[in-house]
Amino acid sequence: MSDQPKTTVLATFAAAPHATEEDFAKVIDAELARAKELVDGGVIVHGYHRTDLVGAALIVDAETVEAAREILATLPAVAAGLVETESIMPLIPLQLPQN
Protein backbone atom coordinates (compact mmCIF):
# COMPACT_ATOMS: atom_id res chain seq x y z
CA MET A 1 0.00 0.00 0.00
CA SER A 2 1.29 3.43 -0.92
CA ASP A 3 1.92 6.17 1.62
CA GLN A 4 0.85 8.68 -1.03
CA PRO A 5 -2.35 10.47 -0.05
CA LYS A 6 -5.47 9.75 -2.05
CA THR A 7 -6.67 12.18 -4.68
CA THR A 8 -10.39 12.81 -4.93
CA VAL A 9 -11.77 13.60 -8.37
CA LEU A 10 -15.12 14.49 -9.85
CA ALA A 11 -15.61 12.63 -13.11
CA THR A 12 -18.48 13.53 -15.42
CA PHE A 13 -19.72 11.39 -18.28
CA ALA A 14 -22.27 11.77 -21.06
CA ALA A 15 -23.73 9.19 -23.40
CA ALA A 16 -22.01 9.17 -26.77
CA PRO A 17 -24.25 10.55 -29.55
CA HIS A 18 -24.25 7.22 -31.38
CA ALA A 19 -25.06 5.08 -28.30
CA THR A 20 -28.45 3.39 -28.25
CA GLU A 21 -30.45 1.72 -25.48
CA GLU A 22 -29.64 -1.59 -27.16
CA ASP A 23 -25.91 -0.80 -26.93
CA PHE A 24 -26.23 -0.06 -23.22
CA ALA A 25 -28.28 -3.23 -22.67
CA LYS A 26 -25.32 -5.28 -23.96
CA VAL A 27 -22.92 -3.91 -21.32
CA ILE A 28 -25.16 -3.07 -18.35
CA ASP A 29 -24.50 -6.27 -16.38
CA ALA A 30 -20.74 -5.94 -16.79
CA GLU A 31 -20.96 -2.20 -16.05
CA LEU A 32 -22.82 -2.78 -12.79
CA ALA A 33 -20.43 -5.58 -11.78
CA ARG A 34 -17.37 -3.39 -12.40
CA ALA A 35 -18.97 -0.44 -10.60
CA LYS A 36 -19.67 -2.69 -7.60
CA GLU A 37 -16.02 -3.79 -7.55
CA LEU A 38 -14.93 -0.15 -7.53
CA VAL A 39 -17.43 0.79 -4.81
CA ASP A 40 -16.40 -2.21 -2.69
CA GLY A 41 -12.74 -1.22 -3.19
CA GLY A 42 -13.39 2.32 -1.98
CA VAL A 43 -12.60 3.84 -5.38
CA ILE A 44 -16.07 5.09 -6.29
CA VAL A 45 -17.25 7.05 -3.26
CA HIS A 46 -20.49 8.52 -4.67
CA GLY A 47 -22.33 8.19 -7.95
CA TYR A 48 -25.06 10.30 -9.46
CA HIS A 49 -27.29 10.21 -12.54
CA ARG A 50 -27.22 13.50 -14.39
CA THR A 51 -30.54 15.28 -14.86
CA ASP A 52 -29.36 17.59 -17.66
CA LEU A 53 -28.59 14.73 -20.08
CA VAL A 54 -28.01 10.97 -20.19
CA GLY A 55 -24.89 10.56 -18.16
CA ALA A 56 -23.36 10.24 -14.73
CA ALA A 57 -21.08 11.96 -12.26
CA LEU A 58 -18.78 10.00 -9.96
CA ILE A 59 -16.72 11.01 -6.95
CA VAL A 60 -13.62 8.83 -7.10
CA ASP A 61 -10.67 8.32 -4.77
CA ALA A 62 -7.42 7.22 -6.42
CA GLU A 63 -3.68 7.68 -5.98
CA THR A 64 -3.52 10.34 -8.72
CA VAL A 65 -5.76 11.97 -11.32
CA GLU A 66 -4.11 9.81 -13.98
CA ALA A 67 -4.78 6.68 -11.90
CA ALA A 68 -8.45 7.70 -11.64
CA ARG A 69 -8.57 8.17 -15.41
CA GLU A 70 -7.07 4.71 -15.96
CA ILE A 71 -9.48 3.08 -13.51
CA LEU A 72 -12.52 4.76 -15.04
CA ALA A 73 -11.42 3.58 -18.49
CA THR A 74 -12.06 0.03 -17.24
CA LEU A 75 -15.79 0.66 -16.97
CA PRO A 76 -17.35 -1.37 -19.81
CA ALA A 77 -19.48 1.52 -21.14
CA VAL A 78 -16.39 3.74 -21.27
CA ALA A 79 -14.28 1.01 -22.87
CA ALA A 80 -17.00 0.38 -25.48
CA GLY A 81 -17.20 4.09 -26.34
CA LEU A 82 -20.83 4.33 -25.21
CA VAL A 83 -20.09 7.12 -22.78
CA GLU A 84 -17.64 9.96 -23.16
CA THR A 85 -15.64 11.37 -20.31
CA GLU A 86 -16.44 15.08 -20.15
CA SER A 87 -14.09 15.96 -17.33
CA ILE A 88 -11.98 14.54 -14.55
CA MET A 89 -11.13 17.27 -12.09
CA PRO A 90 -9.19 17.02 -8.83
CA LEU A 91 -10.93 18.22 -5.69
CA ILE A 92 -9.84 19.34 -2.24
CA PRO A 93 -12.16 19.90 0.71
CA LEU A 94 -13.73 23.32 0.98
CA GLN A 95 -13.43 24.87 4.43
CA LEU A 96 -17.01 25.90 5.12
CA PRO A 97 -17.87 28.08 8.08
CA GLN A 98 -19.14 26.23 11.13
CA ASN A 99 -21.87 27.46 13.48
C-alpha atoms as a PDB file:
ATOM      1  CA  MET A   1       0.000   0.000   0.000  1.00  0.00           C
ATOM      2  CA  SER A   2       1.288   3.431  -0.919  1.00  0.00           C
ATOM      3  CA  ASP A   3       1.919   6.172   1.617  1.00  0.00           C
ATOM      4  CA  GLN A   4       0.851   8.681  -1.035  1.00  0.00           C
ATOM      5  CA  PRO A   5      -2.353  10.467  -0.049  1.00  0.00           C
ATOM      6  CA  LYS A   6      -5.474   9.747  -2.052  1.00  0.00           C
ATOM      7  CA  THR A   7      -6.668  12.183  -4.677  1.00  0.00           C
ATOM      8  CA  THR A   8     -10.389  12.812  -4.927  1.00  0.00           C
ATOM      9  CA  VAL A   9     -11.770  13.597  -8.367  1.00  0.00           C
ATOM     10  CA  LEU A  10     -15.123  14.494  -9.849  1.00  0.00           C
ATOM     11  CA  ALA A  11     -15.607  12.632 -13.113  1.00  0.00           C
ATOM     12  CA  THR A  12     -18.480  13.531 -15.419  1.00  0.00           C
ATOM     13  CA  PHE A  13     -19.720  11.392 -18.276  1.00  0.00           C
ATOM     14  CA  ALA A  14     -22.272  11.769 -21.062  1.00  0.00           C
ATOM     15  CA  ALA A  15     -23.732   9.194 -23.405  1.00  0.00           C
ATOM     16  CA  ALA A  16     -22.012   9.169 -26.773  1.00  0.00           C
ATOM     17  CA  PRO A  17     -24.249  10.554 -29.547  1.00  0.00           C
ATOM     18  CA  HIS A  18     -24.248   7.216 -31.385  1.00  0.00           C
ATOM     19  CA  ALA A  19     -25.058   5.082 -28.296  1.00  0.00           C
ATOM     20  CA  THR A  20     -28.454   3.393 -28.248  1.00  0.00           C
ATOM     21  CA  GLU A  21     -30.453   1.724 -25.485  1.00  0.00           C
ATOM     22  CA  GLU A  22     -29.639  -1.591 -27.157  1.00  0.00           C
ATOM     23  CA  ASP A  23     -25.915  -0.796 -26.933  1.00  0.00           C
ATOM     24  CA  PHE A  24     -26.227  -0.062 -23.217  1.00  0.00           C
ATOM     25  CA  ALA A  25     -28.276  -3.228 -22.668  1.00  0.00           C
ATOM     26  CA  LYS A  26     -25.323  -5.276 -23.959  1.00  0.00           C
ATOM     27  CA  VAL A  27     -22.923  -3.910 -21.323  1.00  0.00           C
ATOM     28  CA  ILE A  28     -25.157  -3.072 -18.354  1.00  0.00           C
ATOM     29  CA  ASP A  29     -24.500  -6.268 -16.378  1.00  0.00           C
ATOM     30  CA  ALA A  30     -20.738  -5.943 -16.791  1.00  0.00           C
ATOM     31  CA  GLU A  31     -20.955  -2.199 -16.053  1.00  0.00           C
ATOM     32  CA  LEU A  32     -22.817  -2.780 -12.785  1.00  0.00           C
ATOM     33  CA  ALA A  33     -20.433  -5.578 -11.775  1.00  0.00           C
ATOM     34  CA  ARG A  34     -17.373  -3.387 -12.397  1.00  0.00           C
ATOM     35  CA  ALA A  35     -18.969  -0.442 -10.600  1.00  0.00           C
ATOM     36  CA  LYS A  36     -19.669  -2.689  -7.605  1.00  0.00           C
ATOM     37  CA  GLU A  37     -16.018  -3.789  -7.553  1.00  0.00           C
ATOM     38  CA  LEU A  38     -14.929  -0.149  -7.530  1.00  0.00           C
ATOM     39  CA  VAL A  39     -17.429   0.786  -4.811  1.00  0.00           C
ATOM     40  CA  ASP A  40     -16.398  -2.206  -2.694  1.00  0.00           C
ATOM     41  CA  GLY A  41     -12.743  -1.222  -3.188  1.00  0.00           C
ATOM     42  CA  GLY A  42     -13.386   2.320  -1.977  1.00  0.00           C
ATOM     43  CA  VAL A  43     -12.601   3.839  -5.379  1.00  0.00           C
ATOM     44  CA  ILE A  44     -16.074   5.089  -6.289  1.00  0.00           C
ATOM     45  CA  VAL A  45     -17.247   7.051  -3.260  1.00  0.00           C
ATOM     46  CA  HIS A  46     -20.488   8.523  -4.670  1.00  0.00           C
ATOM     47  CA  GLY A  47     -22.326   8.192  -7.951  1.00  0.00           C
ATOM     48  CA  TYR A  48     -25.063  10.299  -9.460  1.00  0.00           C
ATOM     49  CA  HIS A  49     -27.288  10.209 -12.542  1.00  0.00           C
ATOM     50  CA  ARG A  50     -27.220  13.498 -14.387  1.00  0.00           C
ATOM     51  CA  THR A  51     -30.535  15.284 -14.863  1.00  0.00           C
ATOM     52  CA  ASP A  52     -29.363  17.585 -17.661  1.00  0.00           C
ATOM     53  CA  LEU A  53     -28.593  14.728 -20.077  1.00  0.00           C
ATOM     54  CA  VAL A  54     -28.011  10.969 -20.195  1.00  0.00           C
ATOM     55  CA  GLY A  55     -24.885  10.563 -18.161  1.00  0.00           C
ATOM     56  CA  ALA A  56     -23.358  10.237 -14.729  1.00  0.00           C
ATOM     57  CA  ALA A  57     -21.080  11.960 -12.262  1.00  0.00           C
ATOM     58  CA  LEU A  58     -18.779  10.001  -9.963  1.00  0.00           C
ATOM     59  CA  ILE A  59     -16.724  11.011  -6.952  1.00  0.00           C
ATOM     60  CA  VAL A  60     -13.620   8.833  -7.098  1.00  0.00           C
ATOM     61  CA  ASP A  61     -10.667   8.316  -4.767  1.00  0.00           C
ATOM     62  CA  ALA A  62      -7.423   7.220  -6.419  1.00  0.00           C
ATOM     63  CA  GLU A  63      -3.684   7.685  -5.982  1.00  0.00           C
ATOM     64  CA  THR A  64      -3.524  10.344  -8.723  1.00  0.00           C
ATOM     65  CA  VAL A  65      -5.761  11.969 -11.317  1.00  0.00           C
ATOM     66  CA  GLU A  66      -4.111   9.806 -13.978  1.00  0.00           C
ATOM     67  CA  ALA A  67      -4.784   6.676 -11.899  1.00  0.00           C
ATOM     68  CA  ALA A  68      -8.449   7.703 -11.641  1.00  0.00           C
ATOM     69  CA  ARG A  69      -8.565   8.174 -15.412  1.00  0.00           C
ATOM     70  CA  GLU A  70      -7.073   4.713 -15.964  1.00  0.00           C
ATOM     71  CA  ILE A  71      -9.477   3.082 -13.506  1.00  0.00           C
ATOM     72  CA  LEU A  72     -12.517   4.764 -15.045  1.00  0.00           C
ATOM     73  CA  ALA A  73     -11.417   3.585 -18.490  1.00  0.00           C
ATOM     74  CA  THR A  74     -12.059   0.027 -17.245  1.00  0.00           C
ATOM     75  CA  LEU A  75     -15.793   0.656 -16.968  1.00  0.00           C
ATOM     76  CA  PRO A  76     -17.355  -1.371 -19.808  1.00  0.00           C
ATOM     77  CA  ALA A  77     -19.483   1.521 -21.137  1.00  0.00           C
ATOM     78  CA  VAL A  78     -16.391   3.741 -21.272  1.00  0.00           C
ATOM     79  CA  ALA A  79     -14.275   1.013 -22.872  1.00  0.00           C
ATOM     80  CA  ALA A  80     -16.997   0.382 -25.485  1.00  0.00           C
ATOM     81  CA  GLY A  81     -17.204   4.086 -26.336  1.00  0.00           C
ATOM     82  CA  LEU A  82     -20.832   4.331 -25.212  1.00  0.00           C
ATOM     83  CA  VAL A  83     -20.090   7.124 -22.780  1.00  0.00           C
ATOM     84  CA  GLU A  84     -17.641   9.965 -23.164  1.00  0.00           C
ATOM     85  CA  THR A  85     -15.640  11.374 -20.308  1.00  0.00           C
ATOM     86  CA  GLU A  86     -16.437  15.078 -20.153  1.00  0.00           C
ATOM     87  CA  SER A  87     -14.086  15.959 -17.329  1.00  0.00           C
ATOM     88  CA  ILE A  88     -11.980  14.536 -14.548  1.00  0.00           C
ATOM     89  CA  MET A  89     -11.130  17.275 -12.091  1.00  0.00           C
ATOM     90  CA  PRO A  90      -9.189  17.021  -8.831  1.00  0.00           C
ATOM     91  CA  LEU A  91     -10.926  18.222  -5.690  1.00  0.00           C
ATOM     92  CA  ILE A  92      -9.839  19.343  -2.239  1.00  0.00           C
ATOM     93  CA  PRO A  93     -12.165  19.903   0.710  1.00  0.00           C
ATOM     94  CA  LEU A  94     -13.726  23.322   0.975  1.00  0.00           C
ATOM     95  CA  GLN A  95     -13.433  24.870   4.427  1.00  0.00           C
ATOM     96  CA  LEU A  96     -17.008  25.896   5.120  1.00  0.00           C
ATOM     97  CA  PRO A  97     -17.874  28.085   8.077  1.00  0.00           C
ATOM     98  CA  GLN A  98     -19.145  26.227  11.127  1.00  0.00           C
ATOM     99  CA  ASN A  99     -21.867  27.457  13.476  1.00  0.00           C
END
